[in-house]
Protein backbone atom coordinates (compact mmCIF):
# COMPACT_ATOMS: atom_id res chain seq x y z
CA MET A 1 -67.71 -32.50 3.27
CA ARG A 2 -68.73 -31.99 7.06
CA ASN A 3 -67.64 -35.67 7.68
CA LYS A 4 -64.57 -35.21 6.04
CA LYS A 5 -63.41 -32.51 8.34
CA VAL A 6 -64.45 -34.56 11.18
CA ILE A 7 -62.17 -37.41 10.22
CA VAL A 8 -59.03 -34.82 9.89
CA ILE A 9 -59.85 -33.41 13.40
CA LEU A 10 -59.92 -36.85 14.92
CA VAL A 11 -56.67 -38.03 13.18
CA LEU A 12 -55.05 -34.88 14.41
CA LEU A 13 -56.08 -35.51 17.96
CA LEU A 14 -54.98 -39.08 17.99
CA ALA A 15 -51.64 -38.06 16.32
CA VAL A 16 -51.23 -35.30 19.16
CA PHE A 17 -52.21 -38.03 21.70
CA ALA A 18 -49.73 -40.58 20.27
CA LEU A 19 -46.98 -38.17 20.54
CA SER A 20 -47.50 -36.98 23.81
CA THR A 21 -47.59 -40.78 24.87
CA TYR A 22 -44.56 -41.41 23.06
CA ALA A 23 -42.88 -38.54 24.75
CA GLU A 24 -43.82 -39.74 28.31
CA THR A 25 -41.19 -41.63 30.54
CA LYS A 26 -42.00 -45.36 30.41
CA LYS A 27 -42.84 -47.10 33.94
CA LEU A 28 -40.95 -50.33 34.13
CA LYS A 29 -42.69 -52.21 37.22
CA SER A 30 -41.42 -55.76 36.68
CA ILE A 31 -38.55 -57.33 34.97
CA GLY A 32 -37.87 -60.92 33.42
CA GLN A 33 -40.81 -61.28 31.47
CA TYR A 34 -39.01 -60.29 27.64
CA THR A 35 -35.57 -61.30 28.19
CA LEU A 36 -32.81 -60.19 25.38
CA VAL A 37 -30.74 -63.52 25.98
CA ARG A 38 -31.92 -66.82 27.60
CA ILE A 39 -30.87 -67.70 31.07
CA ARG A 40 -31.15 -70.79 32.39
CA GLY A 41 -30.82 -71.84 36.04
CA LYS A 42 -30.26 -69.66 38.97
CA VAL A 43 -29.29 -65.99 38.65
CA PRO A 44 -26.19 -65.82 36.25
CA THR A 45 -22.56 -64.65 37.24
CA GLN A 46 -20.44 -62.02 35.66
CA GLU A 47 -18.70 -64.87 33.39
CA VAL A 48 -21.71 -66.32 32.34
CA MET A 49 -23.37 -62.92 31.17
CA LYS A 50 -20.38 -62.10 29.07
CA THR A 51 -20.75 -65.47 27.44
CA LEU A 52 -24.11 -64.73 26.70
CA VAL A 53 -23.33 -61.22 25.60
CA ASP A 54 -20.77 -62.76 22.98
CA ARG A 55 -23.23 -65.49 22.04
CA TYR A 56 -25.97 -62.84 20.94
CA ALA A 57 -23.73 -60.41 19.38
CA ALA A 58 -25.86 -59.89 16.40
CA ASP A 59 -28.75 -59.27 18.24
CA ILE A 60 -27.08 -56.81 20.26
CA LYS A 61 -25.63 -55.06 17.32
CA TYR A 62 -29.15 -54.93 15.83
CA GLY A 63 -30.48 -53.56 19.04
CA PHE A 64 -27.55 -50.74 19.26
CA ASP A 65 -28.53 -49.59 15.86
CA MET A 66 -32.09 -49.26 16.67
CA ALA A 67 -31.21 -47.26 19.80
CA GLY A 68 -29.07 -44.77 17.44
CA ALA A 69 -25.68 -46.10 19.37
CA GLY A 70 -24.23 -48.10 16.81
CA ASP A 71 -20.63 -46.32 17.04
CA LEU A 72 -20.85 -47.95 20.60
CA TYR A 73 -21.10 -51.45 19.71
CA LEU A 74 -17.60 -52.33 18.83
CA PRO A 75 -16.31 -50.71 21.92
CA PHE A 76 -19.01 -52.37 23.95
CA MET A 77 -18.04 -55.56 22.65
CA ASP A 78 -14.29 -55.20 23.23
CA GLN A 79 -14.35 -53.66 26.64
CA LEU A 80 -17.08 -55.87 28.10
CA LYS A 81 -14.47 -58.77 27.93
CA SER A 82 -12.23 -57.24 30.40
CA ALA A 83 -14.92 -55.25 32.07
CA SER A 84 -15.33 -55.45 35.82
CA PHE A 85 -18.99 -56.01 36.70
CA GLU A 86 -20.39 -54.32 39.71
CA GLU A 87 -23.42 -55.27 41.43
CA LYS A 88 -25.68 -52.57 42.17
CA SER A 89 -29.30 -52.11 42.85
CA LEU A 90 -30.97 -49.38 41.23
CA PRO A 91 -33.62 -47.31 43.37
CA VAL A 92 -37.18 -47.06 42.63
CA GLY A 93 -37.40 -43.87 40.07
CA ASP A 94 -34.22 -44.63 38.61
CA LYS A 95 -34.04 -43.72 34.91
CA LEU A 96 -32.55 -45.64 31.92
CA TYR A 97 -31.55 -43.93 28.57
CA TRP A 98 -33.00 -47.28 26.91
CA MET A 99 -33.28 -51.05 27.08
CA LEU A 100 -32.71 -53.90 24.56
CA PHE A 101 -35.34 -56.63 24.87
CA ARG A 102 -36.97 -59.49 23.00
CA SER A 103 -40.66 -60.07 22.19
CA HIS A 104 -41.96 -62.79 20.21
CA GLY A 105 -38.32 -63.50 19.02
CA LYS A 106 -37.64 -60.01 17.89
CA VAL A 107 -35.06 -57.89 19.50
CA LYS A 108 -36.69 -54.68 20.47
CA ILE A 109 -35.96 -51.29 22.10
CA VAL A 110 -37.70 -49.02 24.56
CA GLN A 111 -36.48 -45.57 25.55
CA ASP A 112 -36.78 -43.31 28.43
CA ILE A 113 -37.41 -46.00 30.98
CA GLU A 114 -38.26 -45.28 34.73
CA TRP A 115 -37.77 -48.50 37.39
CA ALA A 116 -41.23 -48.44 38.99
CA GLY A 117 -40.97 -51.46 40.95
CA LYS A 118 -41.98 -52.18 44.35
CA ALA A 119 -38.25 -52.61 45.41
CA PRO A 120 -34.82 -51.68 44.00
CA LEU A 121 -33.54 -53.35 40.90
CA ASP A 122 -30.63 -55.65 41.12
CA VAL A 123 -28.40 -55.11 38.11
CA PHE A 124 -24.89 -55.87 36.92
CA ALA A 125 -23.21 -52.34 36.06
CA PHE A 126 -20.02 -51.46 33.91
CA THR A 127 -18.60 -48.62 32.11
CA ILE A 128 -17.81 -48.42 28.57
CA LYS A 129 -15.49 -45.60 27.50
CA LYS A 130 -15.22 -43.95 24.05
CA ASP A 131 -14.21 -40.47 22.90
CA TYR A 132 -13.58 -39.48 26.69
CA LYS A 133 -17.09 -40.13 27.44
CA ALA A 134 -18.28 -42.95 30.07
CA TYR A 135 -21.20 -44.77 29.16
CA GLU A 136 -22.66 -46.67 32.11
CA PHE A 137 -24.56 -49.82 31.01
CA VAL A 138 -26.77 -52.07 33.20
CA MET A 139 -27.98 -55.59 32.73
CA PRO A 140 -30.90 -56.48 35.09
CA ARG A 141 -29.51 -59.75 36.66
CA PRO A 142 -32.77 -61.71 36.13
CA CYS A 143 -32.87 -61.28 32.68
CA GLY A 144 -29.79 -59.58 30.93
CA ASN A 145 -31.39 -57.07 29.21
CA ILE A 146 -28.77 -54.50 28.01
CA SER A 147 -29.55 -50.93 29.16
CA LEU A 148 -27.91 -47.71 28.84
CA ARG A 149 -27.93 -45.85 32.34
CA SER A 150 -25.98 -42.79 32.24
CA ILE A 151 -23.28 -40.75 30.05
CA THR A 152 -20.62 -38.65 31.83
CA ASP A 153 -17.98 -36.54 30.50
CA LEU A 154 -14.59 -37.78 31.37
CA GLU A 155 -11.73 -35.28 31.67
CA LEU A 156 -10.11 -34.63 28.70
CA PRO A 157 -5.98 -34.91 28.38
CA PRO A 158 -4.56 -31.34 28.29
CA ALA A 159 -3.75 -30.00 25.04
CA VAL A 160 -0.21 -30.10 23.94
CA CYS A 161 0.92 -26.84 22.40
CA ASN A 162 3.31 -26.73 19.56
CA LEU A 163 4.44 -23.25 17.98
CA ALA A 164 7.01 -23.04 15.01
CA VAL A 165 7.93 -19.42 13.67
CA SER A 166 9.76 -19.30 10.17
CA PRO A 167 11.80 -18.18 8.94
CA ALA A 168 14.08 -17.43 12.36
CA LYS A 169 15.57 -14.34 10.77
CA VAL A 170 13.93 -11.74 8.34
CA ASN A 171 14.28 -8.40 7.05
CA LEU A 172 11.96 -5.47 7.83
CA LYS A 173 8.36 -6.04 6.63
CA ASP A 174 9.22 -9.56 5.32
CA PRO A 175 6.20 -12.13 5.96
CA VAL A 176 6.79 -14.34 9.06
CA THR A 177 4.79 -17.41 9.52
CA VAL A 178 3.16 -18.49 12.69
CA ASP A 179 2.58 -22.49 12.66
CA MET A 180 0.85 -23.98 15.52
CA SER A 181 -0.45 -26.93 13.03
CA GLY A 182 1.33 -29.31 15.17
CA THR A 183 -0.60 -28.71 18.37
CA GLN A 184 -2.73 -31.44 19.77
CA LEU A 185 -5.88 -32.23 21.57
CA ALA A 186 -6.76 -28.42 21.25
CA LYS A 187 -10.03 -26.78 20.41
CA SER A 188 -8.48 -23.34 19.86
CA MET A 189 -4.92 -22.08 20.36
CA GLU A 190 -3.59 -18.35 21.01
CA VAL A 191 -0.14 -16.60 20.56
CA ASP A 192 0.94 -13.45 22.35
CA VAL A 193 3.54 -11.46 20.24
CA PHE A 194 6.09 -9.50 22.42
CA GLY A 195 8.44 -6.62 21.09
CA PRO A 196 12.06 -6.27 21.56
CA ASP A 197 11.40 -4.01 24.32
CA GLY A 198 9.13 -6.72 26.28
CA ALA A 199 5.83 -4.92 25.55
CA LYS A 200 3.02 -7.19 24.30
CA LEU A 201 2.08 -6.18 20.79
CA ALA A 202 -0.84 -8.47 19.69
CA THR A 203 -2.63 -11.64 20.38
CA HIS A 204 -3.51 -13.97 17.47
CA ALA A 205 -6.40 -16.58 17.60
CA PHE A 206 -6.10 -19.80 15.65
CA THR A 207 -8.08 -23.13 15.30
CA PRO A 208 -6.88 -26.51 14.56
CA GLU A 209 -8.74 -25.79 11.00
CA SER A 210 -6.97 -22.40 10.70
CA ALA A 211 -3.47 -23.05 12.32
CA ARG A 212 -1.18 -20.57 10.17
CA LYS A 213 -0.89 -16.81 9.97
CA GLN A 214 1.53 -14.24 8.87
CA SER A 215 2.79 -11.26 10.23
CA SER A 216 5.38 -8.64 9.66
CA PHE A 217 7.33 -6.05 11.52
CA ASP A 218 8.73 -2.63 10.78
CA LYS A 219 11.17 -2.39 13.45
CA PRO A 220 14.54 -4.23 14.02
CA GLY A 221 14.85 -6.66 17.01
CA VAL A 222 13.97 -9.85 18.50
CA TYR A 223 10.74 -10.64 18.84
CA THR A 224 9.08 -13.50 20.93
CA PHE A 225 6.11 -15.47 20.29
CA LYS A 226 4.09 -17.22 23.21
CA GLY A 227 1.74 -19.82 22.51
CA ARG A 228 -0.84 -21.77 24.49
CA ALA A 229 -3.57 -24.47 23.59
CA ILE A 230 -6.94 -24.98 24.90
CA ASN A 231 -8.86 -28.39 24.98
CA ALA A 232 -12.62 -28.70 24.77
CA GLN A 233 -12.92 -28.37 28.24
CA GLY A 234 -11.14 -24.89 28.57
CA LYS A 235 -7.91 -26.19 30.07
CA VAL A 236 -5.09 -24.52 28.96
CA SER A 237 -1.94 -26.23 27.91
CA SER A 238 1.07 -26.09 30.44
CA ASN A 239 3.93 -26.95 28.24
CA LEU A 240 6.34 -24.67 27.03
CA CYS A 241 5.20 -23.31 23.66
CA GLU A 242 7.55 -20.34 22.74
CA ALA A 243 9.46 -19.24 19.47
CA LYS A 244 11.68 -16.13 18.69
CA VAL A 245 12.29 -14.28 15.35
CA VAL A 246 15.04 -11.83 14.78
CA VAL A 247 14.13 -9.01 12.49
CA ASN A 248 17.32 -7.86 10.66
CA ALA A 249 18.21 -4.09 11.15
CA PRO A 250 19.34 -2.42 7.68
CA PRO A 251 22.82 -0.94 7.38
CA THR A 252 23.15 2.59 7.35
CA CYS A 253 25.20 4.26 4.48
CA ALA A 254 27.59 7.08 4.41
CA LEU A 255 29.15 8.84 1.59
CA THR A 256 31.88 11.45 1.00
CA THR A 257 33.84 12.57 -2.00
CA SER A 258 37.56 13.76 -2.12
CA CYS A 259 36.48 17.11 -3.26
CA LEU A 260 33.35 19.22 -3.27
CA PRO A 261 33.09 20.93 -5.30
CA CYS A 262 35.48 19.50 -7.77
CA LYS A 263 37.54 22.46 -9.55
CA ASN A 264 39.53 21.37 -12.61
CA MET A 265 38.83 17.88 -11.72
CA VAL A 266 37.75 16.49 -15.27
CA GLY A 267 40.20 13.76 -16.30
CA ARG A 268 41.32 13.49 -12.72
CA PRO A 269 40.38 10.72 -10.33
CA ILE A 270 37.89 11.60 -7.65
CA THR A 271 37.29 9.32 -4.72
CA ILE A 272 33.99 8.33 -3.82
CA ASP A 273 33.96 6.83 -0.60
CA ALA A 274 31.26 4.82 1.33
CA SER A 275 33.83 3.34 3.80
CA GLY A 276 31.64 5.16 6.52
CA SER A 277 28.74 2.72 6.14
CA ALA A 278 27.98 0.49 9.09
CA ASP A 279 25.29 -2.45 9.82
CA PRO A 280 24.33 -2.58 13.73
CA ASP A 281 23.76 -6.32 13.71
CA GLY A 282 26.02 -7.90 10.93
CA GLN A 283 28.40 -6.57 8.25
CA VAL A 284 28.03 -4.36 5.19
CA ALA A 285 28.40 -6.82 2.21
CA LYS A 286 28.38 -4.43 -0.75
CA ALA A 287 27.76 -1.05 -2.09
CA ASP A 288 26.11 0.02 -5.10
CA PHE A 289 27.25 3.34 -6.53
CA ALA A 290 25.28 5.36 -9.42
CA ILE A 291 25.94 8.60 -11.04
CA THR A 292 23.38 10.64 -12.96
CA ASP A 293 23.55 14.01 -14.64
CA THR A 294 21.09 17.00 -14.11
CA ALA A 295 18.57 15.55 -16.16
CA GLY A 296 18.46 12.43 -14.19
CA ASN A 297 20.21 10.32 -16.94
CA ALA A 298 22.32 7.58 -15.96
CA VAL A 299 26.17 8.31 -16.21
CA ASP A 300 27.62 5.34 -14.40
CA LYS A 301 27.39 2.87 -12.01
CA PHE A 302 29.58 0.44 -10.13
CA MET A 303 29.17 -2.08 -7.55
CA ASP A 304 31.92 -2.76 -4.71
CA GLY A 305 31.64 -6.39 -3.06
CA ASP A 306 34.85 -5.74 -0.85
CA ALA A 307 35.39 -3.43 2.00
CA PRO A 308 36.48 -0.47 2.26
CA PHE A 309 33.46 0.34 -0.57
CA VAL A 310 35.60 3.25 -2.31
CA TRP A 311 35.47 4.11 -6.00
CA GLU A 312 38.01 6.12 -7.97
CA LYS A 313 35.98 7.70 -10.57
CA ILE A 314 37.25 9.78 -13.38
CA PHE A 315 34.70 12.27 -15.05
CA ASP A 316 35.60 13.17 -18.87
CA GLU A 317 33.19 16.11 -19.05
CA PRO A 318 32.46 18.80 -16.70
CA GLY A 319 28.98 18.89 -15.25
CA THR A 320 26.96 18.53 -11.97
CA TYR A 321 26.59 15.27 -11.01
CA ALA A 322 24.34 13.31 -8.46
CA ILE A 323 26.08 10.60 -6.68
CA THR A 324 23.95 7.97 -4.80
CA VAL A 325 25.03 4.71 -3.11
CA VAL A 326 23.03 2.26 -1.10
CA VAL A 327 24.76 -0.59 1.01
CA THR A 328 23.59 -3.99 1.48
CA ASP A 329 24.43 -6.09 4.46
CA ASP A 330 25.22 -9.87 4.85
CA PHE A 331 21.41 -10.61 5.10
CA GLY A 332 20.28 -8.85 2.22
CA ALA A 333 18.85 -5.50 3.71
CA VAL A 334 19.35 -2.60 1.94
CA SER A 335 20.27 0.89 3.57
CA GLU A 336 18.33 4.20 2.49
CA PRO A 337 20.11 5.91 -0.27
CA CYS A 338 22.81 8.51 0.55
CA ARG A 339 23.40 11.13 -2.15
CA VAL A 340 25.92 13.77 -2.92
CA VAL A 341 25.68 16.37 -5.56
CA LEU A 342 28.95 17.18 -7.12
CA GLU A 343 30.12 19.77 -9.57
CA VAL A 344 33.11 19.04 -11.56
CA THR A 345 34.58 21.52 -13.36
CA GLN A 346 37.31 21.34 -16.17
CA LYS A 347 40.50 23.07 -15.93
CA ARG A 348 40.70 25.94 -18.26
CA SER A 349 44.18 27.82 -17.47
CA PHE A 350 47.22 26.38 -18.64
CA PHE A 351 50.90 27.56 -18.79
CA SER A 352 53.21 26.35 -21.82
CA VAL A 353 56.74 26.62 -23.12
CA GLU A 354 57.60 26.20 -26.70
CA GLY A 355 60.75 26.55 -28.81
CA GLY A 356 62.33 25.71 -31.83
CA PRO A 357 64.04 27.12 -35.32
CA PHE A 358 62.76 30.44 -36.27
CA PHE A 359 63.21 32.33 -39.77
CA ALA A 360 63.06 36.05 -40.40
CA ARG A 361 62.33 37.79 -43.49
CA GLY A 362 62.82 37.08 -47.02
CA SER A 363 66.32 35.87 -46.16
CA HIS A 364 65.34 33.50 -43.75
CA GLY A 365 67.87 34.56 -41.20
CA PRO A 366 67.88 31.54 -38.78
CA TYR A 367 66.91 31.54 -35.27
CA VAL A 368 66.17 29.90 -32.18
CA TYR A 369 63.13 30.81 -30.54
CA GLY A 370 61.37 30.23 -27.19
CA GLN A 371 58.17 31.30 -25.62
CA VAL A 372 55.87 31.03 -22.38
CA ASP A 373 52.43 30.87 -23.25
CA TRP A 374 49.15 31.19 -21.13
CA LEU A 375 46.16 29.55 -22.61
CA TYR A 376 42.35 29.67 -21.45
CA TRP A 377 39.71 27.62 -22.84
CA ILE A 378 36.69 29.72 -23.73
CA THR A 379 35.07 26.65 -24.85
CA PRO A 380 36.57 23.44 -23.34
CA ASP A 381 38.46 21.58 -26.12
CA LYS A 382 37.10 23.91 -28.68
CA VAL A 383 38.24 27.49 -28.69
CA ASP A 384 40.99 28.90 -26.44
CA PHE A 385 42.63 32.25 -26.05
CA THR A 386 46.56 32.34 -26.14
CA LEU A 387 48.80 34.96 -24.58
CA ALA A 388 52.33 34.19 -25.69
CA GLY A 389 55.92 35.99 -25.03
CA GLY A 390 59.61 35.22 -25.48
CA GLY A 391 62.42 35.81 -27.62
CA ALA A 392 64.45 34.40 -30.78
CA ILE A 393 68.29 34.25 -30.43
CA ALA A 394 70.13 35.33 -33.81
CA LEU A 395 72.23 32.52 -34.97
CA LYS A 396 74.19 34.79 -37.56
CA GLY A 397 76.11 38.03 -36.76
CA ASP A 398 75.45 41.45 -38.10
CA PRO A 399 72.96 42.94 -39.25
CA TRP A 400 70.79 40.12 -37.51
CA LYS A 401 69.73 40.86 -34.15
CA SER A 402 68.06 38.88 -31.61
CA MET A 403 64.37 39.79 -30.84
CA VAL A 404 61.57 39.91 -28.58
CA LEU A 405 57.93 38.23 -29.58
CA ALA A 406 55.03 38.43 -28.36
CA ASP A 407 51.57 37.65 -29.67
CA ALA A 408 47.70 37.09 -28.55
CA THR A 409 45.57 34.43 -30.62
CA ILE A 410 42.26 32.68 -30.93
CA ASN A 411 42.58 29.01 -31.72
CA TYR A 412 39.85 26.54 -32.91
CA HIS A 413 40.62 22.75 -32.00
CA ALA A 414 39.41 19.99 -33.94
CA GLY A 415 40.50 16.76 -32.47
CA PRO A 416 44.26 16.74 -32.38
CA VAL A 417 44.44 19.62 -34.82
CA TYR A 418 43.89 23.25 -34.06
CA PHE A 419 44.44 26.43 -35.88
CA GLY A 420 43.88 29.97 -35.06
CA GLY A 421 45.17 33.64 -35.50
CA GLY A 422 45.71 37.12 -33.70
CA VAL A 423 48.13 40.01 -33.43
CA GLY A 424 51.73 40.17 -32.48
CA PHE A 425 54.65 42.37 -31.87
CA THR A 426 58.43 41.69 -32.75
CA THR A 427 61.13 44.01 -31.91
CA SER A 428 63.80 44.87 -34.70
CA VAL A 429 65.45 41.88 -36.49
CA LYS A 430 68.38 43.57 -37.94
CA GLU A 431 70.10 46.99 -37.79
CA GLY A 432 68.07 49.79 -39.52
CA ARG A 433 64.82 48.05 -38.75
CA ASP A 434 62.03 49.23 -36.81
CA ALA A 435 59.83 46.90 -34.44
CA ASP A 436 56.88 45.12 -36.23
CA PHE A 437 53.34 44.87 -35.43
CA GLU A 438 52.06 41.71 -37.10
CA LEU A 439 49.21 39.31 -38.03
CA VAL A 440 50.02 35.94 -36.26
CA GLY A 441 48.53 32.71 -37.65
CA ARG A 442 49.09 29.32 -35.80
CA LEU A 443 48.72 25.61 -36.87
CA GLY A 444 49.39 22.86 -34.54
CA PHE A 445 48.83 19.22 -34.06
CA ASP A 446 48.76 17.66 -30.48
CA LEU A 447 51.16 14.54 -29.95
CA PHE A 448 49.30 13.77 -26.64
CA LYS A 449 46.48 15.49 -24.73
CA THR A 450 45.05 14.79 -21.13
CA PRO A 451 43.20 16.93 -18.90
CA GLU A 452 46.24 17.90 -16.88
CA ASN A 453 48.65 18.47 -19.92
CA MET A 454 49.32 18.58 -23.67
CA GLY A 455 52.14 18.39 -25.88
CA GLY A 456 52.51 18.74 -29.87
CA LEU A 457 53.75 20.55 -32.96
CA ILE A 458 53.12 24.19 -33.52
CA PHE A 459 53.90 26.11 -36.32
CA GLN A 460 53.77 29.91 -36.58
CA LEU A 461 53.52 32.45 -39.19
CA ARG A 462 53.95 36.12 -38.67
CA TRP A 463 53.29 38.80 -41.26
CA PRO A 464 54.00 42.73 -40.36
CA VAL A 465 51.45 45.26 -41.24
CA GLY A 466 51.86 48.83 -42.20
CA SER A 467 53.40 50.53 -45.50
CA GLY A 468 56.68 49.07 -46.79
CA ARG A 469 56.27 45.75 -45.04
CA SER A 470 55.64 43.50 -47.91
CA PHE A 471 55.10 39.61 -46.84
CA ALA A 472 58.00 38.42 -49.03
CA ASP A 473 60.42 40.44 -47.57
CA ASN A 474 59.04 40.79 -43.70
CA HIS A 475 57.50 37.74 -43.17
CA LYS A 476 58.58 35.31 -40.08
CA PHE A 477 57.91 31.90 -39.21
CA GLY A 478 58.99 28.93 -36.71
CA LEU A 479 58.37 25.53 -36.09
CA GLY A 480 58.39 24.13 -32.47
CA PHE A 481 57.39 21.84 -30.08
CA ARG A 482 54.89 22.98 -27.22
CA PHE A 483 54.28 21.53 -23.91
CA LEU A 484 51.05 22.82 -21.79
CA PHE A 485 50.87 22.16 -17.96
């Protein structure tokens, strides 16, 4: 057991020693014993060295792969053909990343080398460029062993900024896409956003992998985007990289009505006017009107796509209505709603004239009567109260006399038909007869009816009350035409 522990400790010590030895820089004191390529005769020229490299291409590729520089092999072989060799002398103590050599016929590599000879080492030096790095290779002139001496970062070309903003015009709070995906040679990108007043609002950061972002704006105007791209060495692009977007201003609505309140306007046109609406950076394209009742129920709506955006509306029923309008501009932006509350009342009071043949008492003495009426709707279109006054001209002589008529009735309307009753008064119809107080009945039929006027046939029957006033001997009736206005 104790022997096993000793063995393990010895193995670990040997491993540590081997690693430390491997990590140390190798001292190269002489050159020419383990040549990568076979050189005969005197020290070769540049042309000879290039030819030898081409001849031993397979071995060189193998060596590059062992050095972990396989990606440099093709650029090395390609650029070497036109490379200009520089004759240099490496001072004692100069270091190399690695060197390819041949031992017992096999290509090998030694890394982290320091020239430790007694005199400077004469070499051919040339540079291979790849991915903006310069790789300096040297080949000791006596042997041609390919060695990597230095790696230098080249100055990167400036990034080329490309900025696109779409769409070019938007409405408030609509998304705006800022796109920098067309930028070239950049490690990072930035965009400054300036408001309509020129004040800087924000700075957005981008990368080639995440080159798009969206923004939105809650105020109208022209917004400016100024971009820049930064390459891997921190150099900022110099080309103009700017874009603008216009945020459309919404229209403003204006709403008026031809009456407020609208007394006696049921059935008559009321002008709802949105012509005062305006758009600060375009034109109003349409107006949408809506009418609701006090419960919020939709009553009517109308869209006007042509200026001056006026709606002539007829209300068939009295009530309180809310009128709302929103206007839309030529870019689709919608205004805040305008609202007017409108009370529409129905005409309740009418005057009328009526007239026609009239007959009195059992003998049916012929008359022509005419009356002027005042009608008031107790319940619109259902129940009215009517006061009427006028006279009847007798068409026969004695004993018949012309008379004065007056009555007050309440009438019920059922569509075009109405009927009712009340009380009346009639002066004496003949010599020796007193005036009559009467019960009056009416029956009518409307031939036409609008909120403004009505007209139709009317029949009235008058029955005197009191002792000695029999219906058969004392009734009166007339049939006429009545026109209300």
